Amino acid sequence: MRKYVLTSVLFLICILSGCGDPIQDDLLNYVNEEMPTIGKEESTIIGKYENVTGSNYTDDQTLYNALKVEIIPSYNAFIKELEAVEVDTEELRKLHENFIEAANIQASAFLLIVSAIENQDSTMINEANEKLNTARKMMRDYKNEVEKLAKKHDVKLEKK
């Protein structure tokens, strides 16, 4: 009888602890705990960049000041926070590393824009724009891959 009870208890413990999908658990923590604040920070920084570029562009000095004083320092802090995120599973870690790489490419584009303005070099601006396009594509790919991973592991992501 003791052997039966012990076996039943061990079986129940194995079921309760073994049923969890480590990727699902990691993904839930990632999307619910780790990334929301960081994602908002990035959106705020990119919003500041968009306020001085494209149809909102006024002049080089305004863009230069925004990049030097606010955007680049904030984005560098964002990257440090992004790099501090702990991910337990290899599948999610690969995706997160892709996001970090995209963020670093975007940061280097910001620095290149500053240099382009300092040197009045339109070739550097074109190179920076290519980097920004590459980073945007990588970030879209990252989001798509996170969505695929979530679907594969029965994690419902809320669209914001």
C-alpha atoms as a PDB file:
ATOM      1  CA  MET A   1       0.000   0.000   0.000  1.00  0.00           C
ATOM      2  CA  ARG A   2       2.817   2.406   0.884  1.00  0.00           C
ATOM      3  CA  LYS A   3       4.496   1.681  -2.428  1.00  0.00           C
ATOM      4  CA  TYR A   4       1.233   2.414  -4.255  1.00  0.00           C
ATOM      5  CA  VAL A   5       0.714   5.735  -2.415  1.00  0.00           C
ATOM      6  CA  LEU A   6       4.339   6.758  -2.935  1.00  0.00           C
ATOM      7  CA  THR A   7       4.153   5.875  -6.631  1.00  0.00           C
ATOM      8  CA  SER A   8       0.883   7.800  -6.984  1.00  0.00           C
ATOM      9  CA  VAL A   9       2.304  10.854  -5.251  1.00  0.00           C
ATOM     10  CA  LEU A  10       5.471  10.781  -7.368  1.00  0.00           C
ATOM     11  CA  PHE A  11       3.386  10.324 -10.513  1.00  0.00           C
ATOM     12  CA  LEU A  12       1.198  13.272  -9.543  1.00  0.00           C
ATOM     13  CA  ILE A  13       4.252  15.446  -8.830  1.00  0.00           C
ATOM     14  CA  CYS A  14       5.749  14.494 -12.196  1.00  0.00           C
ATOM     15  CA  ILE A  15       2.520  15.337 -13.980  1.00  0.00           C
ATOM     16  CA  LEU A  16       2.143  18.663 -12.211  1.00  0.00           C
ATOM     17  CA  SER A  17       5.725  19.737 -12.738  1.00  0.00           C
ATOM     18  CA  GLY A  18       6.255  18.055 -16.089  1.00  0.00           C
ATOM     19  CA  CYS A  19       3.150  19.359 -17.802  1.00  0.00           C
ATOM     20  CA  GLY A  20       4.527  22.840 -18.032  1.00  0.00           C
ATOM     21  CA  ASP A  21       5.952  23.803 -21.372  1.00  0.00           C
ATOM     22  CA  PRO A  22       9.220  25.629 -20.622  1.00  0.00           C
ATOM     23  CA  ILE A  23       8.967  27.681 -23.824  1.00  0.00           C
ATOM     24  CA  GLN A  24       5.392  28.610 -23.002  1.00  0.00           C
ATOM     25  CA  ASP A  25       6.379  29.659 -19.485  1.00  0.00           C
ATOM     26  CA  ASP A  26       9.368  31.631 -20.768  1.00  0.00           C
ATOM     27  CA  LEU A  27       7.280  33.281 -23.472  1.00  0.00           C
ATOM     28  CA  LEU A  28       4.545  34.240 -21.003  1.00  0.00           C
ATOM     29  CA  ASN A  29       7.119  35.842 -18.713  1.00  0.00           C
ATOM     30  CA  TYR A  30       8.788  37.551 -21.673  1.00  0.00           C
ATOM     31  CA  VAL A  31       5.671  39.113 -23.171  1.00  0.00           C
ATOM     32  CA  ASN A  32       3.903  39.871 -19.889  1.00  0.00           C
ATOM     33  CA  GLU A  33       6.728  40.835 -17.539  1.00  0.00           C
ATOM     34  CA  GLU A  34       9.944  41.639 -19.384  1.00  0.00           C
ATOM     35  CA  MET A  35       8.991  43.393 -22.600  1.00  0.00           C
ATOM     36  CA  PRO A  36       5.970  45.671 -21.991  1.00  0.00           C
ATOM     37  CA  THR A  37       7.885  48.468 -20.254  1.00  0.00           C
ATOM     38  CA  ILE A  38      10.845  48.166 -22.606  1.00  0.00           C
ATOM     39  CA  GLY A  39       8.536  48.172 -25.622  1.00  0.00           C
ATOM     40  CA  LYS A  40       6.856  51.363 -24.433  1.00  0.00           C
ATOM     41  CA  GLU A  41      10.254  52.990 -23.954  1.00  0.00           C
ATOM     42  CA  GLU A  42      11.265  52.135 -27.489  1.00  0.00           C
ATOM     43  CA  SER A  43       7.979  53.460 -28.880  1.00  0.00           C
ATOM     44  CA  THR A  44       8.508  56.731 -27.038  1.00  0.00           C
ATOM     45  CA  ILE A  45      12.057  57.098 -28.363  1.00  0.00           C
ATOM     46  CA  ILE A  46      11.050  56.244 -31.936  1.00  0.00           C
ATOM     47  CA  GLY A  47       8.176  58.724 -31.595  1.00  0.00           C
ATOM     48  CA  LYS A  48      10.714  61.425 -30.725  1.00  0.00           C
ATOM     49  CA  TYR A  49      12.744  60.479 -33.783  1.00  0.00           C
ATOM     50  CA  GLU A  50       9.663  60.598 -35.985  1.00  0.00           C
ATOM     51  CA  ASN A  51       8.857  64.056 -34.589  1.00  0.00           C
ATOM     52  CA  VAL A  52      12.014  65.439 -36.235  1.00  0.00           C
ATOM     53  CA  THR A  53      12.174  63.359 -39.429  1.00  0.00           C
ATOM     54  CA  GLY A  54      10.058  62.656 -42.492  1.00  0.00           C
ATOM     55  CA  SER A  55       7.163  65.069 -42.861  1.00  0.00           C
ATOM     56  CA  ASN A  56       8.089  66.543 -39.450  1.00  0.00           C
ATOM     57  CA  TYR A  57      11.642  67.420 -40.529  1.00  0.00           C
ATOM     58  CA  THR A  58      12.401  71.135 -40.169  1.00  0.00           C
ATOM     59  CA  ASP A  59      16.186  71.438 -40.400  1.00  0.00           C
ATOM     60  CA  ASP A  60      19.445  69.600 -39.761  1.00  0.00           C
ATOM     61  CA  GLN A  61      20.166  71.394 -36.501  1.00  0.00           C
ATOM     62  CA  THR A  62      16.833  70.374 -34.949  1.00  0.00           C
ATOM     63  CA  LEU A  63      17.393  66.748 -35.979  1.00  0.00           C
ATOM     64  CA  TYR A  64      21.008  66.861 -34.788  1.00  0.00           C
ATOM     65  CA  ASN A  65      20.075  68.284 -31.383  1.00  0.00           C
ATOM     66  CA  ALA A  66      17.260  65.786 -30.897  1.00  0.00           C
ATOM     67  CA  LEU A  67      19.561  62.891 -31.742  1.00  0.00           C
ATOM     68  CA  LYS A  68      22.505  64.073 -29.617  1.00  0.00           C
ATOM     69  CA  VAL A  69      20.609  65.281 -26.581  1.00  0.00           C
ATOM     70  CA  GLU A  70      17.674  62.946 -26.276  1.00  0.00           C
ATOM     71  CA  ILE A  71      17.262  60.139 -28.815  1.00  0.00           C
ATOM     72  CA  ILE A  72      20.713  58.515 -28.822  1.00  0.00           C
ATOM     73  CA  PRO A  73      21.230  58.576 -25.027  1.00  0.00           C
ATOM     74  CA  SER A  74      17.706  57.231 -24.475  1.00  0.00           C
ATOM     75  CA  TYR A  75      18.130  54.562 -27.123  1.00  0.00           C
ATOM     76  CA  ASN A  76      21.449  53.449 -25.642  1.00  0.00           C
ATOM     77  CA  ALA A  77      19.757  53.086 -22.243  1.00  0.00           C
ATOM     78  CA  PHE A  78      16.945  51.141 -23.939  1.00  0.00           C
ATOM     79  CA  ILE A  79      19.498  48.737 -25.468  1.00  0.00           C
ATOM     80  CA  LYS A  80      21.107  48.177 -22.046  1.00  0.00           C
ATOM     81  CA  GLU A  81      17.697  47.276 -20.613  1.00  0.00           C
ATOM     82  CA  LEU A  82      17.021  45.032 -23.589  1.00  0.00           C
ATOM     83  CA  GLU A  83      20.327  43.246 -23.077  1.00  0.00           C
ATOM     84  CA  ALA A  84      19.511  42.740 -19.384  1.00  0.00           C
ATOM     85  CA  VAL A  85      16.351  40.760 -20.171  1.00  0.00           C
ATOM     86  CA  GLU A  86      16.810  37.165 -19.093  1.00  0.00           C
ATOM     87  CA  VAL A  87      15.467  34.479 -21.371  1.00  0.00           C
ATOM     88  CA  ASP A  88      15.609  30.841 -20.312  1.00  0.00           C
ATOM     89  CA  THR A  89      14.891  28.903 -23.492  1.00  0.00           C
ATOM     90  CA  GLU A  90      17.060  28.692 -26.577  1.00  0.00           C
ATOM     91  CA  GLU A  91      14.217  29.336 -29.042  1.00  0.00           C
ATOM     92  CA  LEU A  92      13.175  32.569 -27.393  1.00  0.00           C
ATOM     93  CA  ARG A  93      16.778  33.591 -26.697  1.00  0.00           C
ATOM     94  CA  LYS A  94      17.526  33.455 -30.455  1.00  0.00           C
ATOM     95  CA  LEU A  95      14.554  35.703 -31.184  1.00  0.00           C
ATOM     96  CA  HIS A  96      15.515  38.118 -28.432  1.00  0.00           C
ATOM     97  CA  GLU A  97      19.095  38.275 -29.733  1.00  0.00           C
ATOM     98  CA  ASN A  98      17.706  39.166 -33.168  1.00  0.00           C
ATOM     99  CA  PHE A  99      15.798  42.030 -31.577  1.00  0.00           C
ATOM    100  CA  ILE A 100      18.951  43.236 -29.810  1.00  0.00           C
ATOM    101  CA  GLU A 101      20.842  43.099 -33.115  1.00  0.00           C
ATOM    102  CA  ALA A 102      18.112  45.131 -34.839  1.00  0.00           C
ATOM    103  CA  ALA A 103      18.174  47.705 -32.041  1.00  0.00           C
ATOM    104  CA  ASN A 104      21.956  48.005 -32.344  1.00  0.00           C
ATOM    105  CA  ILE A 105      21.691  48.528 -36.100  1.00  0.00           C
ATOM    106  CA  GLN A 106      19.118  51.232 -35.490  1.00  0.00           C
ATOM    107  CA  ALA A 107      21.366  52.873 -32.888  1.00  0.00           C
ATOM    108  CA  SER A 108      24.280  52.845 -35.311  1.00  0.00           C
ATOM    109  CA  ALA A 109      22.032  54.487 -37.913  1.00  0.00           C
ATOM    110  CA  PHE A 110      21.256  57.287 -35.465  1.00  0.00           C
ATOM    111  CA  LEU A 111      24.977  57.813 -34.881  1.00  0.00           C
ATOM    112  CA  LEU A 112      25.587  57.787 -38.617  1.00  0.00           C
ATOM    113  CA  ILE A 113      22.964  60.503 -39.104  1.00  0.00           C
ATOM    114  CA  VAL A 114      24.771  62.653 -36.547  1.00  0.00           C
ATOM    115  CA  SER A 115      28.058  62.143 -38.409  1.00  0.00           C
ATOM    116  CA  ALA A 116      26.353  62.856 -41.724  1.00  0.00           C
ATOM    117  CA  ILE A 117      25.018  66.147 -40.415  1.00  0.00           C
ATOM    118  CA  GLU A 118      28.399  67.085 -38.941  1.00  0.00           C
ATOM    119  CA  ASN A 119      30.109  66.312 -42.260  1.00  0.00           C
ATOM    120  CA  GLN A 120      27.243  67.414 -44.508  1.00  0.00           C
ATOM    121  CA  ASP A 121      27.500  64.044 -46.259  1.00  0.00           C
ATOM    122  CA  SER A 122      24.382  62.847 -48.091  1.00  0.00           C
ATOM    123  CA  THR A 123      25.994  59.470 -48.809  1.00  0.00           C
ATOM    124  CA  MET A 124      26.130  58.825 -45.071  1.00  0.00           C
ATOM    125  CA  ILE A 125      22.442  59.768 -44.784  1.00  0.00           C
ATOM    126  CA  ASN A 126      21.609  57.200 -47.467  1.00  0.00           C
ATOM    127  CA  GLU A 127      23.649  54.592 -45.600  1.00  0.00           C
ATOM    128  CA  ALA A 128      21.866  55.472 -42.348  1.00  0.00           C
ATOM    129  CA  ASN A 129      18.490  55.141 -44.059  1.00  0.00           C
ATOM    130  CA  GLU A 130      19.489  51.699 -45.354  1.00  0.00           C
ATOM    131  CA  LYS A 131      20.435  50.693 -41.813  1.00  0.00           C
ATOM    132  CA  LEU A 132      17.105  51.988 -40.506  1.00  0.00           C
ATOM    133  CA  ASN A 133      15.270  49.975 -43.163  1.00  0.00           C
ATOM    134  CA  THR A 134      17.261  46.857 -42.264  1.00  0.00           C
ATOM    135  CA  ALA A 135      16.521  47.337 -38.556  1.00  0.00           C
ATOM    136  CA  ARG A 136      12.796  47.850 -39.216  1.00  0.00           C
ATOM    137  CA  LYS A 137      12.646  44.669 -41.280  1.00  0.00           C
ATOM    138  CA  MET A 138      14.495  42.738 -38.582  1.00  0.00           C
ATOM    139  CA  MET A 139      12.078  44.055 -35.948  1.00  0.00           C
ATOM    140  CA  ARG A 140       9.081  43.031 -38.072  1.00  0.00           C
ATOM    141  CA  ASP A 141      10.634  39.585 -38.518  1.00  0.00           C
ATOM    142  CA  TYR A 142      11.235  39.371 -34.769  1.00  0.00           C
ATOM    143  CA  LYS A 143       7.590  40.189 -34.042  1.00  0.00           C
ATOM    144  CA  ASN A 144       6.390  37.642 -36.600  1.00  0.00           C
ATOM    145  CA  GLU A 145       8.660  34.961 -35.156  1.00  0.00           C
ATOM    146  CA  VAL A 146       7.491  35.691 -31.595  1.00  0.00           C
ATOM    147  CA  GLU A 147       3.896  35.356 -32.826  1.00  0.00           C
ATOM    148  CA  LYS A 148       4.711  32.014 -34.499  1.00  0.00           C
ATOM    149  CA  LEU A 149       6.417  30.755 -31.353  1.00  0.00           C
ATOM    150  CA  ALA A 150       3.436  31.873 -29.264  1.00  0.00           C
ATOM    151  CA  LYS A 151       0.990  30.109 -31.565  1.00  0.00           C
ATOM    152  CA  LYS A 152       3.105  26.942 -31.539  1.00  0.00           C
ATOM    153  CA  HIS A 153       3.101  26.927 -27.720  1.00  0.00           C
ATOM    154  CA  ASP A 154      -0.507  28.020 -27.173  1.00  0.00           C
ATOM    155  CA  VAL A 155       0.264  31.511 -25.918  1.00  0.00           C
ATOM    156  CA  LYS A 156      -2.265  34.104 -26.923  1.00  0.00           C
ATOM    157  CA  LEU A 157      -0.692  37.491 -27.588  1.00  0.00           C
ATOM    158  CA  GLU A 158      -2.849  40.561 -27.299  1.00  0.00           C
ATOM    159  CA  LYS A 159      -2.436  43.065 -30.094  1.00  0.00           C
ATOM    160  CA  LYS A 160      -1.802  46.598 -28.919  1.00  0.00           C
END
